[in-house]
Each structure stands twice: as C-alpha cells, then as structure tokens.
Amino acid sequence: MLPTGQMEGIWTSWPFWIGLLYVSFPLNFMVYGWNDIVDHDIDKENKRKDSFWFGAKGSKEALSKLWIPMLISQLVFFPFFYIYMEAKTILIFLGFLIINTLYNLPKHGLRSIPPLELFCQLGYLLIAPLSIWLNETNDLPWQTFVYLFLFAVQSQLIGEVMDIEPDKASGRKTTATVLGMKWTKLLIILIVSLEVGLLFWVYNELIFGAMLGIGLIWLIVDIVFIFKTKVYTLKQMKLFALLSNLVALFSMAYVWWSGCLLAVA
C-alpha cells in the first residue's frame, strides 16, 4: 500500500487489489508455510504457536504436502503480474524464491546463523518495487527503504525475544539467543530510536514520529522498570500481539492517507 499513498483512483484499480491479495495470502503462505515445514521440530515445543496470533503447528504429514498449494498459489498469480510487469515479474519472484531458500535451508539455513537471519529481512522490501511496478507509481526515496528495513529487523527481533526460551531449548541460534534478552531489547530500542529519528529529521513527520516515539518510551519502561529480562507469559504475548496489530492497522492507514514516507522533507 505504501507506494500508492494519496494515489487517485487506486481503489478502482484491479492491479492494486490483486497485488494486495497476493501479498496478503499467497506470499505470506509461502514465507511462513515454508518456515513451518523446516521448523516443525522446534515449533512443536513452542507454547505460543498453534494460535490465531502466532501461527499453526502442522503435523509432519500435513507439512510434507504443503509445498503443493504453496506452489499453486504462486503459479496462479504469476501470469497476471507478467501481463502488467513483464520480465520484472521474473526478477521479483526469483528474489522471493532465493531469499526464502537461503533462509529455510534445512541444515545451513540463514534462519539459524545470526546475524544473517536479520539481513534476510531485506526480502520483505521486494514488496515495494512489486507495488511500484504493478501500480505504475513513482519510486520511493532510498531513505524509505532504510526505514522499511529497520522496521523489518525490529519485527524479527521482537519475535526472537518472544521465542528465546524455546529456541534455546531446541539448540537453535538466533541473534536473541546469542545476545541474550537484555542486549536484544537494547538493540530493538536502538533500531526504533533510529526510526523515530528518521521520521522527525528526515521526513519532518511529527504525528507518525510521535506515535512511534510512544512505542519507544514503552520499550524503555519495559526493560528498565517492568519486565526487564523476564520471559513473557503466553497471555501477555497475546495481549501485546492484539495491541501491536491495532497500532499497525492505524499506522498503515495514516501512512497511506498522509503519504508521509513518499518524499523526504
């Protein structure tokens, strides 16, 4: 949605809606379904899994067949994108395939080689050129890609913090298990501080910057006064998931409506 902010007539555009449908399900289905396949043994011991908020726990039998609907869902959308983007479609789909393959290799996947699992978050940035080419919008400033990468890394680290105990128990290495709870939280605070700085001083965006600033204050209060290095309970994680998703929906709507990340100040 980001590249189409303030774009007139976008709500009546078929490419927009089909592109939004693709990234909402088939792409997510591939990214997280693929990860569920290779992380089956780790996920079965993870108490926060098998819920609406944090993903399913598939059986070995079900996961062994998951590649079939995953592949079909990609092939269904490929011809449509090719009509609008031609050869660029191959670049996008190839990018998704390469990054997911490197991340999910069974024995030497980057998902378990910190900090390389953080750099794999670059794959999410491919959605931006997909939208730009599909909807024929203007290019985004390079600073926006920096912001998006920081946000993706921040989200990955938050997930690793929630999974730090089951990951340790399974022997899986992540940035969080290597750094520990305290230093990972401090790293998240540093990343969010950079995001707030970008919004205030590069984009001159006071409203969205203030929203993220409130989140930054919460992170500082969390590590200094409340949870510190304690492990969150499942109920607490579900509450955080609910609140963060509500904030995410509101911020998505605001960023799209305001176009605040489409150009630097």
C-alpha atoms as a PDB file:
ATOM      1  CA  MET A   1       0.000   0.000   0.000  1.00  0.00           C
ATOM      2  CA  LEU A   2       2.850   2.384   0.801  1.00  0.00           C
ATOM      3  CA  PRO A   3       3.844   3.345  -2.790  1.00  0.00           C
ATOM      4  CA  THR A   4       0.177   4.018  -3.656  1.00  0.00           C
ATOM      5  CA  GLY A   5      -0.380   6.575  -0.893  1.00  0.00           C
ATOM      6  CA  GLN A   6      -2.523   9.549  -1.994  1.00  0.00           C
ATOM      7  CA  MET A   7      -2.875   7.991  -5.463  1.00  0.00           C
ATOM      8  CA  GLU A   8      -6.184   8.959  -7.061  1.00  0.00           C
ATOM      9  CA  GLY A   9      -8.404   6.192  -8.330  1.00  0.00           C
ATOM     10  CA  ILE A  10      -6.385   3.428  -6.660  1.00  0.00           C
ATOM     11  CA  TRP A  11      -9.482   1.872  -5.060  1.00  0.00           C
ATOM     12  CA  THR A  12     -10.895   1.060  -8.501  1.00  0.00           C
ATOM     13  CA  SER A  13      -7.654  -0.431  -9.811  1.00  0.00           C
ATOM     14  CA  TRP A  14      -7.642  -4.189 -10.417  1.00  0.00           C
ATOM     15  CA  PRO A  15      -3.832  -4.447 -10.310  1.00  0.00           C
ATOM     16  CA  PHE A  16      -3.875  -2.833  -6.846  1.00  0.00           C
ATOM     17  CA  TRP A  17      -6.451  -5.221  -5.393  1.00  0.00           C
ATOM     18  CA  ILE A  18      -4.954  -8.356  -6.896  1.00  0.00           C
ATOM     19  CA  GLY A  19      -1.480  -7.258  -5.763  1.00  0.00           C
ATOM     20  CA  LEU A  20      -2.808  -6.613  -2.251  1.00  0.00           C
ATOM     21  CA  LEU A  21      -4.469 -10.037  -2.254  1.00  0.00           C
ATOM     22  CA  TYR A  22      -1.207 -11.671  -3.377  1.00  0.00           C
ATOM     23  CA  VAL A  23       0.972 -10.200  -0.636  1.00  0.00           C
ATOM     24  CA  SER A  24      -1.760 -10.782   1.977  1.00  0.00           C
ATOM     25  CA  PHE A  25      -2.108 -14.509   1.350  1.00  0.00           C
ATOM     26  CA  PRO A  26      -0.103 -16.360  -1.327  1.00  0.00           C
ATOM     27  CA  LEU A  27       3.155 -14.575  -0.477  1.00  0.00           C
ATOM     28  CA  ASN A  28       2.603 -14.897   3.272  1.00  0.00           C
ATOM     29  CA  PHE A  29       1.546 -18.503   2.737  1.00  0.00           C
ATOM     30  CA  MET A  30       4.860 -19.263   1.043  1.00  0.00           C
ATOM     31  CA  VAL A  31       7.046 -17.343   3.502  1.00  0.00           C
ATOM     32  CA  TYR A  32       5.547 -18.708   6.705  1.00  0.00           C
ATOM     33  CA  GLY A  33       4.431 -22.077   5.364  1.00  0.00           C
ATOM     34  CA  TRP A  34       7.960 -22.809   4.147  1.00  0.00           C
ATOM     35  CA  ASN A  35       9.322 -21.820   7.554  1.00  0.00           C
ATOM     36  CA  ASP A  36       6.760 -24.046   9.298  1.00  0.00           C
ATOM     37  CA  ILE A  37       7.962 -27.009   7.243  1.00  0.00           C
ATOM     38  CA  VAL A  38      11.624 -26.689   8.215  1.00  0.00           C
ATOM     39  CA  ASP A  39      10.936 -25.617  11.825  1.00  0.00           C
ATOM     40  CA  HIS A  40       8.468 -28.377  12.674  1.00  0.00           C
ATOM     41  CA  ASP A  41      10.598 -29.912  15.432  1.00  0.00           C
ATOM     42  CA  ILE A  42      11.274 -26.503  17.003  1.00  0.00           C
ATOM     43  CA  ASP A  43       7.701 -25.227  16.721  1.00  0.00           C
ATOM     44  CA  LYS A  44       6.139 -28.292  18.346  1.00  0.00           C
ATOM     45  CA  GLU A  45       7.809 -27.291  21.636  1.00  0.00           C
ATOM     46  CA  ASN A  46       6.853 -23.625  21.299  1.00  0.00           C
ATOM     47  CA  LYS A  47       3.869 -22.802  23.534  1.00  0.00           C
ATOM     48  CA  ARG A  48       2.971 -19.613  21.682  1.00  0.00           C
ATOM     49  CA  LYS A  49       2.493 -21.470  18.409  1.00  0.00           C
ATOM     50  CA  ASP A  50      -0.774 -23.076  17.290  1.00  0.00           C
ATOM     51  CA  SER A  51      -2.775 -19.934  17.910  1.00  0.00           C
ATOM     52  CA  PHE A  52      -4.560 -17.286  15.872  1.00  0.00           C
ATOM     53  CA  TRP A  53      -1.837 -14.759  16.679  1.00  0.00           C
ATOM     54  CA  PHE A  54       1.348 -16.753  16.266  1.00  0.00           C
ATOM     55  CA  GLY A  55       0.800 -19.412  13.635  1.00  0.00           C
ATOM     56  CA  ALA A  56      -0.155 -23.042  13.265  1.00  0.00           C
ATOM     57  CA  LYS A  57       1.508 -26.240  14.386  1.00  0.00           C
ATOM     58  CA  GLY A  58       1.216 -28.503  11.389  1.00  0.00           C
ATOM     59  CA  SER A  59       1.607 -32.268  11.549  1.00  0.00           C
ATOM     60  CA  LYS A  60       4.502 -33.891   9.695  1.00  0.00           C
ATOM     61  CA  GLU A  61       2.055 -35.388   7.215  1.00  0.00           C
ATOM     62  CA  ALA A  62       0.267 -32.094   6.522  1.00  0.00           C
ATOM     63  CA  LEU A  63       3.514 -30.129   6.224  1.00  0.00           C
ATOM     64  CA  SER A  64       5.012 -32.682   3.836  1.00  0.00           C
ATOM     65  CA  LYS A  65       2.239 -31.838   1.343  1.00  0.00           C
ATOM     66  CA  LEU A  66       2.174 -28.097   1.973  1.00  0.00           C
ATOM     67  CA  TRP A  67       4.521 -27.309  -0.913  1.00  0.00           C
ATOM     68  CA  ILE A  68       1.779 -28.248  -3.399  1.00  0.00           C
ATOM     69  CA  PRO A  69      -0.768 -25.497  -2.528  1.00  0.00           C
ATOM     70  CA  MET A  70       2.148 -23.108  -1.908  1.00  0.00           C
ATOM     71  CA  LEU A  71       3.401 -23.652  -5.457  1.00  0.00           C
ATOM     72  CA  ILE A  72      -0.084 -23.493  -6.982  1.00  0.00           C
ATOM     73  CA  SER A  73      -0.825 -20.181  -5.244  1.00  0.00           C
ATOM     74  CA  GLN A  74       2.325 -18.682  -6.781  1.00  0.00           C
ATOM     75  CA  LEU A  75       1.681 -20.028 -10.269  1.00  0.00           C
ATOM     76  CA  VAL A  76      -1.895 -18.681 -10.268  1.00  0.00           C
ATOM     77  CA  PHE A  77      -0.693 -15.097  -9.754  1.00  0.00           C
ATOM     78  CA  PHE A  78       2.435 -15.185 -11.927  1.00  0.00           C
ATOM     79  CA  PRO A  79       0.649 -14.775 -15.322  1.00  0.00           C
ATOM     80  CA  PHE A  80      -1.373 -11.813 -14.075  1.00  0.00           C
ATOM     81  CA  PHE A  81       1.722  -9.991 -12.849  1.00  0.00           C
ATOM     82  CA  TYR A  82       3.528 -10.784 -16.089  1.00  0.00           C
ATOM     83  CA  ILE A  83       0.788  -9.011 -18.062  1.00  0.00           C
ATOM     84  CA  TYR A  84       1.480  -5.787 -16.164  1.00  0.00           C
ATOM     85  CA  MET A  85       5.200  -6.050 -15.309  1.00  0.00           C
ATOM     86  CA  GLU A  86       6.574  -8.374 -17.997  1.00  0.00           C
ATOM     87  CA  ALA A  87      10.172  -9.502 -17.270  1.00  0.00           C
ATOM     88  CA  LYS A  88      10.250  -7.611 -13.965  1.00  0.00           C
ATOM     89  CA  THR A  89       7.864 -10.280 -12.668  1.00  0.00           C
ATOM     90  CA  ILE A  90      10.626 -12.877 -13.032  1.00  0.00           C
ATOM     91  CA  LEU A  91      13.010 -10.704 -11.003  1.00  0.00           C
ATOM     92  CA  ILE A  92      10.506 -10.295  -8.164  1.00  0.00           C
ATOM     93  CA  PHE A  93       9.509 -13.957  -7.968  1.00  0.00           C
ATOM     94  CA  LEU A  94      13.142 -15.039  -8.289  1.00  0.00           C
ATOM     95  CA  GLY A  95      14.053 -12.689  -5.444  1.00  0.00           C
ATOM     96  CA  PHE A  96      11.343 -14.165  -3.214  1.00  0.00           C
ATOM     97  CA  LEU A  97      12.497 -17.679  -4.093  1.00  0.00           C
ATOM     98  CA  ILE A  98      16.208 -17.079  -3.488  1.00  0.00           C
ATOM     99  CA  ILE A  99      15.789 -15.326  -0.140  1.00  0.00           C
ATOM    100  CA  ASN A 100      13.319 -17.899   1.176  1.00  0.00           C
ATOM    101  CA  THR A 101      15.550 -20.745   0.021  1.00  0.00           C
ATOM    102  CA  LEU A 102      18.611 -19.299   1.758  1.00  0.00           C
ATOM    103  CA  TYR A 103      16.629 -18.613   4.921  1.00  0.00           C
ATOM    104  CA  ASN A 104      14.982 -22.047   5.070  1.00  0.00           C
ATOM    105  CA  LEU A 105      17.730 -24.456   4.016  1.00  0.00           C
ATOM    106  CA  PRO A 106      17.198 -27.470   6.325  1.00  0.00           C
ATOM    107  CA  LYS A 107      20.782 -27.750   7.617  1.00  0.00           C
ATOM    108  CA  HIS A 108      22.503 -24.460   6.859  1.00  0.00           C
ATOM    109  CA  GLY A 109      19.592 -22.050   6.581  1.00  0.00           C
ATOM    110  CA  LEU A 110      20.351 -18.451   7.425  1.00  0.00           C
ATOM    111  CA  ARG A 111      17.450 -18.504   9.899  1.00  0.00           C
ATOM    112  CA  SER A 112      19.863 -20.149  12.375  1.00  0.00           C
ATOM    113  CA  ILE A 113      23.040 -18.231  11.511  1.00  0.00           C
ATOM    114  CA  PRO A 114      22.904 -14.918  13.392  1.00  0.00           C
ATOM    115  CA  PRO A 115      23.013 -12.107  12.451  1.00  0.00           C
ATOM    116  CA  LEU A 116      22.398 -13.225   8.862  1.00  0.00           C
ATOM    117  CA  GLU A 117      18.762 -14.010   9.660  1.00  0.00           C
ATOM    118  CA  LEU A 118      18.317 -10.271  10.201  1.00  0.00           C
ATOM    119  CA  PHE A 119      19.702  -9.408   6.756  1.00  0.00           C
ATOM    120  CA  CYS A 120      17.201 -11.821   5.203  1.00  0.00           C
ATOM    121  CA  GLN A 121      14.536  -9.286   6.173  1.00  0.00           C
ATOM    122  CA  LEU A 122      15.605  -7.464   3.008  1.00  0.00           C
ATOM    123  CA  GLY A 123      13.275  -9.876   1.254  1.00  0.00           C
ATOM    124  CA  TYR A 124      10.253  -8.006   2.568  1.00  0.00           C
ATOM    125  CA  LEU A 125      11.477  -4.884   0.776  1.00  0.00           C
ATOM    126  CA  LEU A 126      10.820  -6.603  -2.568  1.00  0.00           C
ATOM    127  CA  ILE A 127       7.133  -5.879  -1.972  1.00  0.00           C
ATOM    128  CA  ALA A 128       7.835  -2.176  -2.563  1.00  0.00           C
ATOM    129  CA  PRO A 129       9.135  -2.499  -6.160  1.00  0.00           C
ATOM    130  CA  LEU A 130       6.390  -5.052  -6.798  1.00  0.00           C
ATOM    131  CA  SER A 131       3.810  -2.408  -5.901  1.00  0.00           C
ATOM    132  CA  ILE A 132       5.667   0.362  -7.752  1.00  0.00           C
ATOM    133  CA  TRP A 133       5.863  -1.598 -11.000  1.00  0.00           C
ATOM    134  CA  LEU A 134       2.400  -3.111 -10.711  1.00  0.00           C
ATOM    135  CA  ASN A 135       0.641   0.174  -9.923  1.00  0.00           C
ATOM    136  CA  GLU A 136       2.969   2.362 -12.022  1.00  0.00           C
ATOM    137  CA  THR A 137       3.737   4.725  -9.146  1.00  0.00           C
ATOM    138  CA  ASN A 138       6.754   6.947  -8.507  1.00  0.00           C
ATOM    139  CA  ASP A 139       9.859   5.426  -6.947  1.00  0.00           C
ATOM    140  CA  LEU A 140      10.315   5.669  -3.185  1.00  0.00           C
ATOM    141  CA  PRO A 141      13.224   7.631  -1.654  1.00  0.00           C
ATOM    142  CA  TRP A 142      16.138   5.441  -0.572  1.00  0.00           C
ATOM    143  CA  GLN A 143      15.559   6.661   2.982  1.00  0.00           C
ATOM    144  CA  THR A 144      12.164   4.942   2.930  1.00  0.00           C
ATOM    145  CA  PHE A 145      13.817   1.622   2.107  1.00  0.00           C
ATOM    146  CA  VAL A 146      16.169   2.179   5.051  1.00  0.00           C
ATOM    147  CA  TYR A 147      13.168   2.802   7.298  1.00  0.00           C
ATOM    148  CA  LEU A 148      11.375  -0.312   5.998  1.00  0.00           C
ATOM    149  CA  PHE A 149      14.474  -2.455   6.563  1.00  0.00           C
ATOM    150  CA  LEU A 150      14.856  -1.170  10.129  1.00  0.00           C
ATOM    151  CA  PHE A 151      11.190  -1.910  10.771  1.00  0.00           C
ATOM    152  CA  ALA A 152      11.518  -5.447   9.377  1.00  0.00           C
ATOM    153  CA  VAL A 153      14.603  -6.140  11.517  1.00  0.00           C
ATOM    154  CA  GLN A 154      12.851  -4.718  14.576  1.00  0.00           C
ATOM    155  CA  SER A 155       9.880  -7.042  13.999  1.00  0.00           C
ATOM    156  CA  GLN A 156      12.174 -10.053  13.566  1.00  0.00           C
ATOM    157  CA  LEU A 157      13.985  -9.295  16.820  1.00  0.00           C
ATOM    158  CA  ILE A 158      10.717  -8.883  18.728  1.00  0.00           C
ATOM    159  CA  GLY A 159       9.687 -12.337  17.537  1.00  0.00           C
ATOM    160  CA  GLU A 160      13.058 -13.741  18.581  1.00  0.00           C
ATOM    161  CA  VAL A 161      12.649 -12.239  22.064  1.00  0.00           C
ATOM    162  CA  MET A 162       9.292 -13.995  22.441  1.00  0.00           C
ATOM    163  CA  ASP A 163      10.833 -17.275  21.238  1.00  0.00           C
ATOM    164  CA  ILE A 164      14.104 -17.023  23.139  1.00  0.00           C
ATOM    165  CA  GLU A 165      13.376 -19.841  25.602  1.00  0.00           C
ATOM    166  CA  PRO A 166      12.040 -22.453  23.123  1.00  0.00           C
ATOM    167  CA  ASP A 167      14.846 -21.553  20.698  1.00  0.00           C
ATOM    168  CA  LYS A 168      17.445 -22.090  23.424  1.00  0.00           C
ATOM    169  CA  ALA A 169      15.815 -25.380  24.435  1.00  0.00           C
ATOM    170  CA  SER A 170      15.939 -26.657  20.846  1.00  0.00           C
ATOM    171  CA  GLY A 171      19.533 -25.529  20.319  1.00  0.00           C
ATOM    172  CA  ARG A 172      18.607 -23.059  17.622  1.00  0.00           C
ATOM    173  CA  LYS A 173      20.812 -19.993  17.298  1.00  0.00           C
ATOM    174  CA  THR A 174      19.316 -16.575  16.698  1.00  0.00           C
ATOM    175  CA  THR A 175      20.570 -13.069  17.365  1.00  0.00           C
ATOM    176  CA  ALA A 176      18.438 -13.053  20.518  1.00  0.00           C
ATOM    177  CA  THR A 177      19.817 -16.343  21.880  1.00  0.00           C
ATOM    178  CA  VAL A 178      23.375 -15.145  21.223  1.00  0.00           C
ATOM    179  CA  LEU A 179      22.978 -11.646  22.677  1.00  0.00           C
ATOM    180  CA  GLY A 180      20.534 -12.576  25.416  1.00  0.00           C
ATOM    181  CA  MET A 181      17.274 -10.904  26.404  1.00  0.00           C
ATOM    182  CA  LYS A 182      18.789  -7.662  27.769  1.00  0.00           C
ATOM    183  CA  TRP A 183      21.065  -6.830  24.829  1.00  0.00           C
ATOM    184  CA  THR A 184      18.458  -7.832  22.250  1.00  0.00           C
ATOM    185  CA  LYS A 185      15.941  -5.475  23.847  1.00  0.00           C
ATOM    186  CA  LEU A 186      18.565  -2.722  23.850  1.00  0.00           C
ATOM    187  CA  LEU A 187      19.228  -3.414  20.158  1.00  0.00           C
ATOM    188  CA  ILE A 188      15.486  -3.100  19.455  1.00  0.00           C
ATOM    189  CA  ILE A 189      15.455   0.219  21.338  1.00  0.00           C
ATOM    190  CA  LEU A 190      18.393   1.441  19.226  1.00  0.00           C
ATOM    191  CA  ILE A 191      16.635   0.460  15.986  1.00  0.00           C
ATOM    192  CA  VAL A 192      13.353   2.109  16.991  1.00  0.00           C
ATOM    193  CA  SER A 193      15.311   5.227  18.007  1.00  0.00           C
ATOM    194  CA  LEU A 194      16.791   5.363  14.506  1.00  0.00           C
ATOM    195  CA  GLU A 195      13.292   5.024  13.026  1.00  0.00           C
ATOM    196  CA  VAL A 196      11.994   7.875  15.199  1.00  0.00           C
ATOM    197  CA  GLY A 197      14.988   9.979  14.186  1.00  0.00           C
ATOM    198  CA  LEU A 198      14.299   9.355  10.505  1.00  0.00           C
ATOM    199  CA  LEU A 199      10.660  10.342  10.880  1.00  0.00           C
ATOM    200  CA  PHE A 200      11.389  13.560  12.757  1.00  0.00           C
ATOM    201  CA  TRP A 201      14.501  14.838  10.999  1.00  0.00           C
ATOM    202  CA  VAL A 202      14.413  13.309   7.511  1.00  0.00           C
ATOM    203  CA  TYR A 203      10.658  13.296   6.823  1.00  0.00           C
ATOM    204  CA  ASN A 204       9.666  16.061   9.248  1.00  0.00           C
ATOM    205  CA  GLU A 205       6.755  13.798  10.190  1.00  0.00           C
ATOM    206  CA  LEU A 206       5.553  14.774  13.657  1.00  0.00           C
ATOM    207  CA  ILE A 207       2.388  12.666  14.026  1.00  0.00           C
ATOM    208  CA  PHE A 208       3.770   9.302  12.921  1.00  0.00           C
ATOM    209  CA  GLY A 209       7.052  10.098  14.665  1.00  0.00           C
ATOM    210  CA  ALA A 210       5.182  10.796  17.918  1.00  0.00           C
ATOM    211  CA  MET A 211       3.257   7.514  17.575  1.00  0.00           C
ATOM    212  CA  LEU A 212       6.472   5.559  17.192  1.00  0.00           C
ATOM    213  CA  GLY A 213       8.046   7.650  19.958  1.00  0.00           C
ATOM    214  CA  ILE A 214       5.367   6.432  22.371  1.00  0.00           C
ATOM    215  CA  GLY A 215       6.301   2.878  21.432  1.00  0.00           C
ATOM    216  CA  LEU A 216       9.950   3.709  22.114  1.00  0.00           C
ATOM    217  CA  ILE A 217       9.065   5.013  25.578  1.00  0.00           C
ATOM    218  CA  TRP A 218       7.211   1.767  26.290  1.00  0.00           C
ATOM    219  CA  LEU A 219      10.251  -0.293  25.260  1.00  0.00           C
ATOM    220  CA  ILE A 220      12.454   1.703  27.630  1.00  0.00           C
ATOM    221  CA  VAL A 221       9.952   1.385  30.500  1.00  0.00           C
ATOM    222  CA  ASP A 222       9.668  -2.348  29.776  1.00  0.00           C
ATOM    223  CA  ILE A 223      13.392  -3.049  30.098  1.00  0.00           C
ATOM    224  CA  VAL A 224      14.106  -0.618  32.959  1.00  0.00           C
ATOM    225  CA  PHE A 225      11.062  -0.980  35.221  1.00  0.00           C
ATOM    226  CA  ILE A 226       8.574  -3.712  34.270  1.00  0.00           C
ATOM    227  CA  PHE A 227       9.627  -6.973  32.634  1.00  0.00           C
ATOM    228  CA  LYS A 228      13.359  -6.294  32.363  1.00  0.00           C
ATOM    229  CA  THR A 229      14.739  -9.696  31.294  1.00  0.00           C
ATOM    230  CA  LYS A 230      11.765 -11.770  32.421  1.00  0.00           C
ATOM    231  CA  VAL A 231      10.125 -14.113  29.941  1.00  0.00           C
ATOM    232  CA  TYR A 232       6.647 -13.013  28.846  1.00  0.00           C
ATOM    233  CA  THR A 233       3.716 -15.290  29.606  1.00  0.00           C
ATOM    234  CA  LEU A 234       1.508 -16.548  26.776  1.00  0.00           C
ATOM    235  CA  LYS A 235      -1.358 -14.278  27.882  1.00  0.00           C
ATOM    236  CA  GLN A 236       0.964 -11.271  27.893  1.00  0.00           C
ATOM    237  CA  MET A 237       2.268 -12.106  24.405  1.00  0.00           C
ATOM    238  CA  LYS A 238      -1.292 -12.414  23.074  1.00  0.00           C
ATOM    239  CA  LEU A 239      -2.178  -9.047  24.592  1.00  0.00           C
ATOM    240  CA  PHE A 240       0.916  -7.448  23.047  1.00  0.00           C
ATOM    241  CA  ALA A 241       0.015  -9.033  19.697  1.00  0.00           C
ATOM    242  CA  LEU A 242      -3.524  -7.622  19.849  1.00  0.00           C
ATOM    243  CA  LEU A 243      -2.356  -4.111  20.761  1.00  0.00           C
ATOM    244  CA  SER A 244       0.517  -4.062  18.250  1.00  0.00           C
ATOM    245  CA  ASN A 245      -1.786  -5.175  15.435  1.00  0.00           C
ATOM    246  CA  LEU A 246      -4.298  -2.443  16.259  1.00  0.00           C
ATOM    247  CA  VAL A 247      -1.497   0.128  16.225  1.00  0.00           C
ATOM    248  CA  ALA A 248      -0.173  -1.348  12.966  1.00  0.00           C
ATOM    249  CA  LEU A 249      -3.557  -1.059  11.243  1.00  0.00           C
ATOM    250  CA  PHE A 250      -3.949   2.546  12.362  1.00  0.00           C
ATOM    251  CA  SER A 251      -0.408   3.476  11.314  1.00  0.00           C
ATOM    252  CA  MET A 252      -0.849   1.791   7.913  1.00  0.00           C
ATOM    253  CA  ALA A 253      -3.975   3.828   7.299  1.00  0.00           C
ATOM    254  CA  TYR A 254      -2.255   7.028   8.396  1.00  0.00           C
ATOM    255  CA  VAL A 255       0.877   6.458   6.297  1.00  0.00           C
ATOM    256  CA  TRP A 256      -1.241   5.674   3.231  1.00  0.00           C
ATOM    257  CA  TRP A 257      -3.552   8.683   3.782  1.00  0.00           C
ATOM    258  CA  SER A 258      -0.793  11.173   4.577  1.00  0.00           C
ATOM    259  CA  GLY A 259       1.835   9.928   2.121  1.00  0.00           C
ATOM    260  CA  CYS A 260       4.402  10.811   4.789  1.00  0.00           C
ATOM    261  CA  LEU A 261       7.001   8.290   3.581  1.00  0.00           C
ATOM    262  CA  LEU A 262       6.700   9.079  -0.123  1.00  0.00           C
ATOM    263  CA  ALA A 263       9.150  12.001  -0.043  1.00  0.00           C
ATOM    264  CA  VAL A 264      11.748  13.401   2.340  1.00  0.00           C
ATOM    265  CA  ALA A 265      11.389  16.895   3.748  1.00  0.00           C
END
